Amino acid sequence: MSDVLVPAICLPDLMQAFNLDHIDLLKVDIEGAEKEVFENSVEWIDRVSAMVIELHDRLKSGCSRAFYNATTGFSDQSTHDGEITFVRRDPGFIARKPARLRA
């Protein structure tokens, strides 16, 4: 197998590019990269109300642990088929604006 470069963008940069303060529902399917994404989610995780994610510990150890550690502020959680997980915040949740967007 040869190395292939794949363009990527981090979530804070994507949110800035589209002028988004908040994400209602984030679908995550990144085939084993969950560990890296959620170990470094402090900048954006408070601006997401709900997530649907496929966790791939079979591809990389620690994916689920990183996700669950990052989503302790989410109140509801359900898992289907042992791989797809849904989490959401309380209905009254108000997203935290990042410092650069606060007036």
PDB file of N, CA and C in Angstrom:
ATOM      1  N   MET A   1       0.842  -1.166   0.000  1.00  0.00           N
ATOM      2  CA  MET A   1       0.000   0.000   0.000  1.00  0.00           C
ATOM      3  C   MET A   1       0.895   1.241   0.000  1.00  0.00           C
ATOM      4  N   SER A   2       0.553   2.215  -0.815  1.00  0.00           N
ATOM      5  CA  SER A   2       1.320   3.457  -0.866  1.00  0.00           C
ATOM      6  C   SER A   2       0.648   4.533  -0.023  1.00  0.00           C
ATOM      7  N   ASP A   3       1.445   5.489   0.394  1.00  0.00           N
ATOM      8  CA  ASP A   3       0.899   6.609   1.156  1.00  0.00           C
ATOM      9  C   ASP A   3       0.130   7.537   0.229  1.00  0.00           C
ATOM     10  N   VAL A   4      -1.019   7.975   0.692  1.00  0.00           N
ATOM     11  CA  VAL A   4      -1.850   8.897  -0.075  1.00  0.00           C
ATOM     12  C   VAL A   4      -2.140  10.101   0.805  1.00  0.00           C
ATOM     13  N   LEU A   5      -1.896  11.280   0.296  1.00  0.00           N
ATOM     14  CA  LEU A   5      -2.220  12.497   1.031  1.00  0.00           C
ATOM     15  C   LEU A   5      -3.694  12.817   0.835  1.00  0.00           C
ATOM     16  N   VAL A   6      -4.382  13.037   1.941  1.00  0.00           N
ATOM     17  CA  VAL A   6      -5.803  13.359   1.900  1.00  0.00           C
ATOM     18  C   VAL A   6      -5.983  14.728   2.542  1.00  0.00           C
ATOM     19  N   PRO A   7      -6.603  15.664   1.825  1.00  0.00           N
ATOM     20  CA  PRO A   7      -6.819  16.982   2.436  1.00  0.00           C
ATOM     21  C   PRO A   7      -7.762  16.871   3.632  1.00  0.00           C
ATOM     22  N   ALA A   8      -7.480  17.643   4.649  1.00  0.00           N
ATOM     23  CA  ALA A   8      -8.307  17.628   5.855  1.00  0.00           C
ATOM     24  C   ALA A   8      -8.427  19.040   6.388  1.00  0.00           C
ATOM     25  N   ILE A   9      -9.464  19.253   7.197  1.00  0.00           N
ATOM     26  CA  ILE A   9      -9.668  20.548   7.841  1.00  0.00           C
ATOM     27  C   ILE A   9     -10.174  20.269   9.248  1.00  0.00           C
ATOM     28  N   CYS A  10      -9.695  21.024  10.215  1.00  0.00           N
ATOM     29  CA  CYS A  10     -10.162  20.827  11.586  1.00  0.00           C
ATOM     30  C   CYS A  10     -11.507  21.532  11.764  1.00  0.00           C
ATOM     31  N   LEU A  11     -12.266  21.045  12.725  1.00  0.00           N
ATOM     32  CA  LEU A  11     -13.618  21.562  12.933  1.00  0.00           C
ATOM     33  C   LEU A  11     -13.660  23.057  13.258  1.00  0.00           C
ATOM     34  N   PRO A  12     -12.790  23.591  14.103  1.00  0.00           N
ATOM     35  CA  PRO A  12     -12.833  25.039  14.343  1.00  0.00           C
ATOM     36  C   PRO A  12     -12.620  25.858  13.068  1.00  0.00           C
ATOM     37  N   ASP A  13     -11.713  25.405  12.199  1.00  0.00           N
ATOM     38  CA  ASP A  13     -11.486  26.119  10.936  1.00  0.00           C
ATOM     39  C   ASP A  13     -12.694  26.018  10.016  1.00  0.00           C
ATOM     40  N   LEU A  14     -13.333  24.865   9.994  1.00  0.00           N
ATOM     41  CA  LEU A  14     -14.539  24.682   9.180  1.00  0.00           C
ATOM     42  C   LEU A  14     -15.670  25.583   9.680  1.00  0.00           C
ATOM     43  N   MET A  15     -15.836  25.635  10.993  1.00  0.00           N
ATOM     44  CA  MET A  15     -16.873  26.490  11.570  1.00  0.00           C
ATOM     45  C   MET A  15     -16.605  27.960  11.257  1.00  0.00           C
ATOM     46  N   GLN A  16     -15.348  28.360  11.325  1.00  0.00           N
ATOM     47  CA  GLN A  16     -14.998  29.743  11.014  1.00  0.00           C
ATOM     48  C   GLN A  16     -15.234  30.037   9.533  1.00  0.00           C
ATOM     49  N   ALA A  17     -14.857  29.119   8.661  1.00  0.00           N
ATOM     50  CA  ALA A  17     -15.016  29.327   7.216  1.00  0.00           C
ATOM     51  C   ALA A  17     -16.475  29.525   6.828  1.00  0.00           C
ATOM     52  N   PHE A  18     -17.394  28.860   7.561  1.00  0.00           N
ATOM     53  CA  PHE A  18     -18.817  28.978   7.260  1.00  0.00           C
ATOM     54  C   PHE A  18     -19.550  29.869   8.263  1.00  0.00           C
ATOM     55  N   ASN A  19     -18.781  30.589   9.099  1.00  0.00           N
ATOM     56  CA  ASN A  19     -19.336  31.525  10.067  1.00  0.00           C
ATOM     57  C   ASN A  19     -20.377  30.853  10.979  1.00  0.00           C
ATOM     58  N   LEU A  20     -20.040  29.693  11.522  1.00  0.00           N
ATOM     59  CA  LEU A  20     -20.938  28.952  12.402  1.00  0.00           C
ATOM     60  C   LEU A  20     -20.527  29.128  13.855  1.00  0.00           C
ATOM     61  N   ASP A  21     -21.450  29.551  14.694  1.00  0.00           N
ATOM     62  CA  ASP A  21     -21.207  29.638  16.128  1.00  0.00           C
ATOM     63  C   ASP A  21     -21.572  28.328  16.818  1.00  0.00           C
ATOM     64  N   HIS A  22     -22.458  27.540  16.182  1.00  0.00           N
ATOM     65  CA  HIS A  22     -23.060  26.391  16.837  1.00  0.00           C
ATOM     66  C   HIS A  22     -23.366  25.308  15.807  1.00  0.00           C
ATOM     67  N   ILE A  23     -23.291  24.062  16.233  1.00  0.00           N
ATOM     68  CA  ILE A  23     -23.681  22.924  15.394  1.00  0.00           C
ATOM     69  C   ILE A  23     -24.802  22.185  16.116  1.00  0.00           C
ATOM     70  N   ASP A  24     -25.947  22.064  15.468  1.00  0.00           N
ATOM     71  CA  ASP A  24     -27.069  21.341  16.069  1.00  0.00           C
ATOM     72  C   ASP A  24     -26.804  19.839  16.134  1.00  0.00           C
ATOM     73  N   LEU A  25     -26.390  19.258  15.007  1.00  0.00           N
ATOM     74  CA  LEU A  25     -26.132  17.821  14.935  1.00  0.00           C
ATOM     75  C   LEU A  25     -24.861  17.588  14.125  1.00  0.00           C
ATOM     76  N   LEU A  26     -23.909  16.904  14.742  1.00  0.00           N
ATOM     77  CA  LEU A  26     -22.647  16.585  14.086  1.00  0.00           C
ATOM     78  C   LEU A  26     -22.575  15.083  13.869  1.00  0.00           C
ATOM     79  N   LYS A  27     -22.440  14.657  12.618  1.00  0.00           N
ATOM     80  CA  LYS A  27     -22.272  13.236  12.270  1.00  0.00           C
ATOM     81  C   LYS A  27     -20.790  12.990  12.062  1.00  0.00           C
ATOM     82  N   VAL A  28     -20.252  12.023  12.792  1.00  0.00           N
ATOM     83  CA  VAL A  28     -18.819  11.743  12.743  1.00  0.00           C
ATOM     84  C   VAL A  28     -18.602  10.295  12.300  1.00  0.00           C
ATOM     85  N   ASP A  29     -17.896  10.125  11.201  1.00  0.00           N
ATOM     86  CA  ASP A  29     -17.513   8.793  10.717  1.00  0.00           C
ATOM     87  C   ASP A  29     -16.106   8.928  10.142  1.00  0.00           C
ATOM     88  N   ILE A  30     -15.102   8.754  10.989  1.00  0.00           N
ATOM     89  CA  ILE A  30     -13.729   9.035  10.586  1.00  0.00           C
ATOM     90  C   ILE A  30     -12.805   7.821  10.751  1.00  0.00           C
ATOM     91  N   GLU A  31     -13.395   6.639  10.742  1.00  0.00           N
ATOM     92  CA  GLU A  31     -12.677   5.368  10.619  1.00  0.00           C
ATOM     93  C   GLU A  31     -11.414   5.248  11.463  1.00  0.00           C
ATOM     94  N   GLY A  32     -11.556   5.420  12.773  1.00  0.00           N
ATOM     95  CA  GLY A  32     -10.435   5.200  13.671  1.00  0.00           C
ATOM     96  C   GLY A  32      -9.666   6.438  14.081  1.00  0.00           C
ATOM     97  N   ALA A  33     -10.027   7.595  13.574  1.00  0.00           N
ATOM     98  CA  ALA A  33      -9.351   8.833  13.957  1.00  0.00           C
ATOM     99  C   ALA A  33     -10.073   9.533  15.109  1.00  0.00           C
ATOM    100  N   GLU A  34     -11.080   8.878  15.676  1.00  0.00           N
ATOM    101  CA  GLU A  34     -11.838   9.491  16.774  1.00  0.00           C
ATOM    102  C   GLU A  34     -10.943   9.850  17.955  1.00  0.00           C
ATOM    103  N   LYS A  35      -9.960   9.025  18.228  1.00  0.00           N
ATOM    104  CA  LYS A  35      -9.072   9.268  19.362  1.00  0.00           C
ATOM    105  C   LYS A  35      -8.402  10.637  19.238  1.00  0.00           C
ATOM    106  N   GLU A  36      -7.800  10.919  18.114  1.00  0.00           N
ATOM    107  CA  GLU A  36      -7.110  12.191  17.913  1.00  0.00           C
ATOM    108  C   GLU A  36      -8.074  13.371  17.924  1.00  0.00           C
ATOM    109  N   VAL A  37      -9.220  13.222  17.292  1.00  0.00           N
ATOM    110  CA  VAL A  37     -10.191  14.322  17.213  1.00  0.00           C
ATOM    111  C   VAL A  37     -10.743  14.669  18.593  1.00  0.00           C
ATOM    112  N   PHE A  38     -11.148  13.673  19.367  1.00  0.00           N
ATOM    113  CA  PHE A  38     -11.798  13.955  20.635  1.00  0.00           C
ATOM    114  C   PHE A  38     -10.820  14.197  21.779  1.00  0.00           C
ATOM    115  N   GLU A  39      -9.568  13.810  21.631  1.00  0.00           N
ATOM    116  CA  GLU A  39      -8.566  14.202  22.620  1.00  0.00           C
ATOM    117  C   GLU A  39      -8.233  15.690  22.468  1.00  0.00           C
ATOM    118  N   ASN A  40      -8.592  16.274  21.345  1.00  0.00           N
ATOM    119  CA  ASN A  40      -8.298  17.688  21.058  1.00  0.00           C
ATOM    120  C   ASN A  40      -9.568  18.464  20.725  1.00  0.00           C
ATOM    121  N   SER A  41     -10.644  18.205  21.454  1.00  0.00           N
ATOM    122  CA  SER A  41     -11.941  18.794  21.112  1.00  0.00           C
ATOM    123  C   SER A  41     -12.351  19.968  21.991  1.00  0.00           C
ATOM    124  N   VAL A  42     -11.518  20.369  22.923  1.00  0.00           N
ATOM    125  CA  VAL A  42     -11.903  21.396  23.884  1.00  0.00           C
ATOM    126  C   VAL A  42     -12.306  22.712  23.210  1.00  0.00           C
ATOM    127  N   GLU A  43     -11.737  23.035  22.067  1.00  0.00           N
ATOM    128  CA  GLU A  43     -12.029  24.299  21.384  1.00  0.00           C
ATOM    129  C   GLU A  43     -13.434  24.345  20.779  1.00  0.00           C
ATOM    130  N   TRP A  44     -14.024  23.196  20.459  1.00  0.00           N
ATOM    131  CA  TRP A  44     -15.307  23.196  19.744  1.00  0.00           C
ATOM    132  C   TRP A  44     -16.418  22.373  20.392  1.00  0.00           C
ATOM    133  N   ILE A  45     -16.110  21.454  21.288  1.00  0.00           N
ATOM    134  CA  ILE A  45     -17.109  20.513  21.804  1.00  0.00           C
ATOM    135  C   ILE A  45     -18.279  21.217  22.504  1.00  0.00           C
ATOM    136  N   ASP A  46     -18.038  22.368  23.120  1.00  0.00           N
ATOM    137  CA  ASP A  46     -19.107  23.091  23.816  1.00  0.00           C
ATOM    138  C   ASP A  46     -20.047  23.808  22.858  1.00  0.00           C
ATOM    139  N   ARG A  47     -19.784  23.735  21.579  1.00  0.00           N
ATOM    140  CA  ARG A  47     -20.643  24.393  20.590  1.00  0.00           C
ATOM    141  C   ARG A  47     -21.442  23.393  19.767  1.00  0.00           C
ATOM    142  N   VAL A  48     -21.526  22.151  20.264  1.00  0.00           N
ATOM    143  CA  VAL A  48     -22.260  21.084  19.589  1.00  0.00           C
ATOM    144  C   VAL A  48     -23.385  20.619  20.505  1.00  0.00           C
ATOM    145  N   SER A  49     -24.606  20.530  19.962  1.00  0.00           N
ATOM    146  CA  SER A  49     -25.749  20.083  20.760  1.00  0.00           C
ATOM    147  C   SER A  49     -25.942  18.574  20.759  1.00  0.00           C
ATOM    148  N   ALA A  50     -25.656  17.926  19.629  1.00  0.00           N
ATOM    149  CA  ALA A  50     -25.852  16.481  19.527  1.00  0.00           C
ATOM    150  C   ALA A  50     -24.866  15.900  18.525  1.00  0.00           C
ATOM    151  N   MET A  51     -24.528  14.626  18.734  1.00  0.00           N
ATOM    152  CA  MET A  51     -23.614  13.941  17.819  1.00  0.00           C
ATOM    153  C   MET A  51     -24.079  12.518  17.574  1.00  0.00           C
ATOM    154  N   VAL A  52     -23.869  12.083  16.360  1.00  0.00           N
ATOM    155  CA  VAL A  52     -23.991  10.681  15.985  1.00  0.00           C
ATOM    156  C   VAL A  52     -22.604  10.280  15.521  1.00  0.00           C
ATOM    157  N   ILE A  53     -22.079   9.202  16.080  1.00  0.00           N
ATOM    158  CA  ILE A  53     -20.696   8.819  15.780  1.00  0.00           C
ATOM    159  C   ILE A  53     -20.573   7.311  15.645  1.00  0.00           C
ATOM    160  N   GLU A  54     -19.723   6.903  14.752  1.00  0.00           N
ATOM    161  CA  GLU A  54     -19.319   5.502  14.652  1.00  0.00           C
ATOM    162  C   GLU A  54     -17.954   5.404  15.310  1.00  0.00           C
ATOM    163  N   LEU A  55     -17.871   4.605  16.365  1.00  0.00           N
ATOM    164  CA  LEU A  55     -16.611   4.438  17.097  1.00  0.00           C
ATOM    165  C   LEU A  55     -15.895   3.192  16.577  1.00  0.00           C
ATOM    166  N   HIS A  56     -14.609   3.309  16.355  1.00  0.00           N
ATOM    167  CA  HIS A  56     -13.849   2.241  15.703  1.00  0.00           C
ATOM    168  C   HIS A  56     -12.658   1.774  16.541  1.00  0.00           C
ATOM    169  N   ASP A  57     -12.939   1.298  17.751  1.00  0.00           N
ATOM    170  CA  ASP A  57     -11.856   0.774  18.585  1.00  0.00           C
ATOM    171  C   ASP A  57     -11.188  -0.438  17.942  1.00  0.00           C
ATOM    172  N   ARG A  58     -11.894  -1.133  17.084  1.00  0.00           N
ATOM    173  CA  ARG A  58     -11.296  -2.286  16.419  1.00  0.00           C
ATOM    174  C   ARG A  58     -10.194  -1.853  15.453  1.00  0.00           C
ATOM    175  N   LEU A  59     -10.239  -0.597  15.002  1.00  0.00           N
ATOM    176  CA  LEU A  59      -9.200  -0.070  14.124  1.00  0.00           C
ATOM    177  C   LEU A  59      -8.084   0.626  14.901  1.00  0.00           C
ATOM    178  N   LYS A  60      -8.462   1.251  16.015  1.00  0.00           N
ATOM    179  CA  LYS A  60      -7.471   1.960  16.838  1.00  0.00           C
ATOM    180  C   LYS A  60      -7.959   1.998  18.282  1.00  0.00           C
ATOM    181  N   SER A  61      -7.175   1.473  19.162  1.00  0.00           N
ATOM    182  CA  SER A  61      -7.505   1.435  20.577  1.00  0.00           C
ATOM    183  C   SER A  61      -7.608   2.856  21.143  1.00  0.00           C
ATOM    184  N   GLY A  62      -8.606   3.072  21.989  1.00  0.00           N
ATOM    185  CA  GLY A  62      -8.743   4.354  22.684  1.00  0.00           C
ATOM    186  C   GLY A  62      -9.754   5.302  22.068  1.00  0.00           C
ATOM    187  N   CYS A  63     -10.353   4.936  20.930  1.00  0.00           N
ATOM    188  CA  CYS A  63     -11.331   5.824  20.277  1.00  0.00           C
ATOM    189  C   CYS A  63     -12.533   6.092  21.181  1.00  0.00           C
ATOM    190  N   SER A  64     -13.117   5.036  21.722  1.00  0.00           N
ATOM    191  CA  SER A  64     -14.301   5.202  22.574  1.00  0.00           C
ATOM    192  C   SER A  64     -13.967   5.976  23.833  1.00  0.00           C
ATOM    193  N   ARG A  65     -12.853   5.650  24.461  1.00  0.00           N
ATOM    194  CA  ARG A  65     -12.466   6.348  25.693  1.00  0.00           C
ATOM    195  C   ARG A  65     -12.313   7.850  25.452  1.00  0.00           C
ATOM    196  N   ALA A  66     -11.660   8.235  24.369  1.00  0.00           N
ATOM    197  CA  ALA A  66     -11.482   9.662  24.060  1.00  0.00           C
ATOM    198  C   ALA A  66     -12.826  10.332  23.816  1.00  0.00           C
ATOM    199  N   PHE A  67     -13.719   9.667  23.103  1.00  0.00           N
ATOM    200  CA  PHE A  67     -15.048  10.228  22.829  1.00  0.00           C
ATOM    201  C   PHE A  67     -15.839  10.417  24.121  1.00  0.00           C
ATOM    202  N   TYR A  68     -15.933   9.381  24.950  1.00  0.00           N
ATOM    203  CA  TYR A  68     -16.723   9.476  26.174  1.00  0.00           C
ATOM    204  C   TYR A  68     -16.129  10.472  27.163  1.00  0.00           C
ATOM    205  N   ASN A  69     -14.807  10.588  27.217  1.00  0.00           N
ATOM    206  CA  ASN A  69     -14.176  11.608  28.072  1.00  0.00           C
ATOM    207  C   ASN A  69     -14.533  13.017  27.598  1.00  0.00           C
ATOM    208  N   ALA A  70     -14.597  13.210  26.304  1.00  0.00           N
ATOM    209  CA  ALA A  70     -14.893  14.539  25.746  1.00  0.00           C
ATOM    210  C   ALA A  70     -16.367  14.908  25.857  1.00  0.00           C
ATOM    211  N   THR A  71     -17.237  13.928  25.973  1.00  0.00           N
ATOM    212  CA  THR A  71     -18.681  14.205  25.944  1.00  0.00           C
ATOM    213  C   THR A  71     -19.347  14.044  27.306  1.00  0.00           C
ATOM    214  N   THR A  72     -18.611  14.265  28.370  1.00  0.00           N
ATOM    215  CA  THR A  72     -19.210  14.146  29.705  1.00  0.00           C
ATOM    216  C   THR A  72     -20.301  15.179  29.935  1.00  0.00           C
ATOM    217  N   GLY A  73     -20.309  16.287  29.210  1.00  0.00           N
ATOM    218  CA  GLY A  73     -21.337  17.310  29.357  1.00  0.00           C
ATOM    219  C   GLY A  73     -22.627  17.003  28.592  1.00  0.00           C
ATOM    220  N   PHE A  74     -22.670  15.883  27.905  1.00  0.00           N
ATOM    221  CA  PHE A  74     -23.866  15.487  27.166  1.00  0.00           C
ATOM    222  C   PHE A  74     -24.704  14.593  28.070  1.00  0.00           C
ATOM    223  N   SER A  75     -26.018  14.860  28.110  1.00  0.00           N
ATOM    224  CA  SER A  75     -26.860  14.177  29.085  1.00  0.00           C
ATOM    225  C   SER A  75     -27.388  12.830  28.607  1.00  0.00           C
ATOM    226  N   ASP A  76     -27.815  12.732  27.390  1.00  0.00           N
ATOM    227  CA  ASP A  76     -28.417  11.500  26.882  1.00  0.00           C
ATOM    228  C   ASP A  76     -27.430  10.770  25.991  1.00  0.00           C
ATOM    229  N   GLN A  77     -27.465   9.452  26.080  1.00  0.00           N
ATOM    230  CA  GLN A  77     -26.570   8.644  25.267  1.00  0.00           C
ATOM    231  C   GLN A  77     -27.260   7.332  24.942  1.00  0.00           C
ATOM    232  N   SER A  78     -27.136   6.883  23.707  1.00  0.00           N
ATOM    233  CA  SER A  78     -27.601   5.554  23.340  1.00  0.00           C
ATOM    234  C   SER A  78     -26.666   4.980  22.292  1.00  0.00           C
ATOM    235  N   THR A  79     -26.498   3.668  22.326  1.00  0.00           N
ATOM    236  CA  THR A  79     -25.623   2.977  21.383  1.00  0.00           C
ATOM    237  C   THR A  79     -26.438   1.927  20.645  1.00  0.00           C
ATOM    238  N   HIS A  80     -26.195   1.828  19.355  1.00  0.00           N
ATOM    239  CA  HIS A  80     -26.902   0.869  18.518  1.00  0.00           C
ATOM    240  C   HIS A  80     -25.893  -0.005  17.789  1.00  0.00           C
ATOM    241  N   ASP A  81     -26.164  -1.274  17.751  1.00  0.00           N
ATOM    242  CA  ASP A  81     -25.308  -2.239  17.056  1.00  0.00           C
ATOM    243  C   ASP A  81     -23.882  -2.230  17.583  1.00  0.00           C
ATOM    244  N   GLY A  82     -23.670  -1.736  18.795  1.00  0.00           N
ATOM    245  CA  GLY A  82     -22.358  -1.747  19.397  1.00  0.00           C
ATOM    246  C   GLY A  82     -21.354  -0.791  18.783  1.00  0.00           C
ATOM    247  N   GLU A  83     -21.745  -0.031  17.776  1.00  0.00           N
ATOM    248  CA  GLU A  83     -20.778   0.836  17.112  1.00  0.00           C
ATOM    249  C   GLU A  83     -21.286   2.260  16.925  1.00  0.00           C
ATOM    250  N   ILE A  84     -22.552   2.447  16.621  1.00  0.00           N
ATOM    251  CA  ILE A  84     -23.093   3.785  16.381  1.00  0.00           C
ATOM    252  C   ILE A  84     -23.665   4.328  17.684  1.00  0.00           C
ATOM    253  N   THR A  85     -23.184   5.496  18.064  1.00  0.00           N
ATOM    254  CA  THR A  85     -23.583   6.110  19.323  1.00  0.00           C
ATOM    255  C   THR A  85     -24.190   7.484  19.056  1.00  0.00           C
ATOM    256  N   PHE A  86     -25.234   7.799  19.826  1.00  0.00           N
ATOM    257  CA  PHE A  86     -25.886   9.108  19.757  1.00  0.00           C
ATOM    258  C   PHE A  86     -25.784   9.746  21.135  1.00  0.00           C
ATOM    259  N   VAL A  87     -25.335  10.993  21.190  1.00  0.00           N
ATOM    260  CA  VAL A  87     -25.327  11.762  22.431  1.00  0.00           C
ATOM    261  C   VAL A  87     -25.964  13.119  22.160  1.00  0.00           C
ATOM    262  N   ARG A  88     -26.623  13.656  23.182  1.00  0.00           N
ATOM    263  CA  ARG A  88     -27.193  15.007  23.040  1.00  0.00           C
ATOM    264  C   ARG A  88     -27.172  15.695  24.388  1.00  0.00           C
ATOM    265  N   ARG A  89     -27.226  17.005  24.310  1.00  0.00           N
ATOM    266  CA  ARG A  89     -27.278  17.820  25.522  1.00  0.00           C
ATOM    267  C   ARG A  89     -28.730  18.032  25.918  1.00  0.00           C
ATOM    268  N   ASP A  90     -28.934  18.537  27.121  1.00  0.00           N
ATOM    269  CA  ASP A  90     -30.285  18.882  27.564  1.00  0.00           C
ATOM    270  C   ASP A  90     -30.913  19.856  26.585  1.00  0.00           C
ATOM    271  N   PRO A  91     -32.238  19.788  26.376  1.00  0.00           N
ATOM    272  CA  PRO A  91     -32.899  20.680  25.417  1.00  0.00           C
ATOM    273  C   PRO A  91     -32.663  22.163  25.665  1.00  0.00           C
ATOM    274  N   GLY A  92     -32.410  22.579  26.886  1.00  0.00           N
ATOM    275  CA  GLY A  92     -32.186  23.985  27.195  1.00  0.00           C
ATOM    276  C   GLY A  92     -30.745  24.441  27.017  1.00  0.00           C
ATOM    277  N   PHE A  93     -29.901  23.585  26.473  1.00  0.00           N
ATOM    278  CA  PHE A  93     -28.481  23.893  26.308  1.00  0.00           C
ATOM    279  C   PHE A  93     -28.275  25.117  25.417  1.00  0.00           C
ATOM    280  N   ILE A  94     -27.411  26.021  25.869  1.00  0.00           N
ATOM    281  CA  ILE A  94     -27.025  27.181  25.074  1.00  0.00           C
ATOM    282  C   ILE A  94     -25.530  27.050  24.806  1.00  0.00           C
ATOM    283  N   ALA A  95     -25.182  27.050  23.555  1.00  0.00           N
ATOM    284  CA  ALA A  95     -23.787  26.856  23.158  1.00  0.00           C
ATOM    285  C   ALA A  95     -22.925  27.992  23.665  1.00  0.00           C
ATOM    286  N   ARG A  96     -21.729  27.661  24.067  1.00  0.00           N
ATOM    287  CA  ARG A  96     -20.738  28.642  24.497  1.00  0.00           C
ATOM    288  C   ARG A  96     -20.068  29.235  23.249  1.00  0.00           C
ATOM    289  N   LYS A  97     -20.051  30.545  23.161  1.00  0.00           N
ATOM    290  CA  LYS A  97     -19.349  31.191  22.049  1.00  0.00           C
ATOM    291  C   LYS A  97     -17.860  31.193  22.346  1.00  0.00           C
ATOM    292  N   PRO A  98     -17.041  30.896  21.353  1.00  0.00           N
ATOM    293  CA  PRO A  98     -15.597  30.968  21.571  1.00  0.00           C
ATOM    294  C   PRO A  98     -15.177  32.403  21.841  1.00  0.00           C
ATOM    295  N   ALA A  99     -14.073  32.587  22.532  1.00  0.00           N
ATOM    296  CA  ALA A  99     -13.612  33.916  22.932  1.00  0.00           C
ATOM    297  C   ALA A  99     -13.496  34.868  21.752  1.00  0.00           C
ATOM    298  N   ARG A 100     -13.056  34.395  20.593  1.00  0.00           N
ATOM    299  CA  ARG A 100     -12.864  35.292  19.452  1.00  0.00           C
ATOM    300  C   ARG A 100     -14.190  35.798  18.866  1.00  0.00           C
ATOM    301  N   LEU A 101     -15.320  35.189  19.248  1.00  0.00           N
ATOM    302  CA  LEU A 101     -16.624  35.626  18.721  1.00  0.00           C
ATOM    303  C   LEU A 101     -17.448  36.396  19.752  1.00  0.00           C
ATOM    304  N   ARG A 102     -16.993  36.399  21.002  1.00  0.00           N
ATOM    305  CA  ARG A 102     -17.755  37.096  22.043  1.00  0.00           C
ATOM    306  C   ARG A 102     -17.665  38.597  21.843  1.00  0.00           C
ATOM    307  N   ALA A 103     -18.790  39.266  22.088  1.00  0.00           N
ATOM    308  CA  ALA A 103     -18.818  40.723  21.964  1.00  0.00           C
ATOM    309  C   ALA A 103     -18.430  41.375  23.259  1.00  0.00           C
TER     310      ALA A 103
END
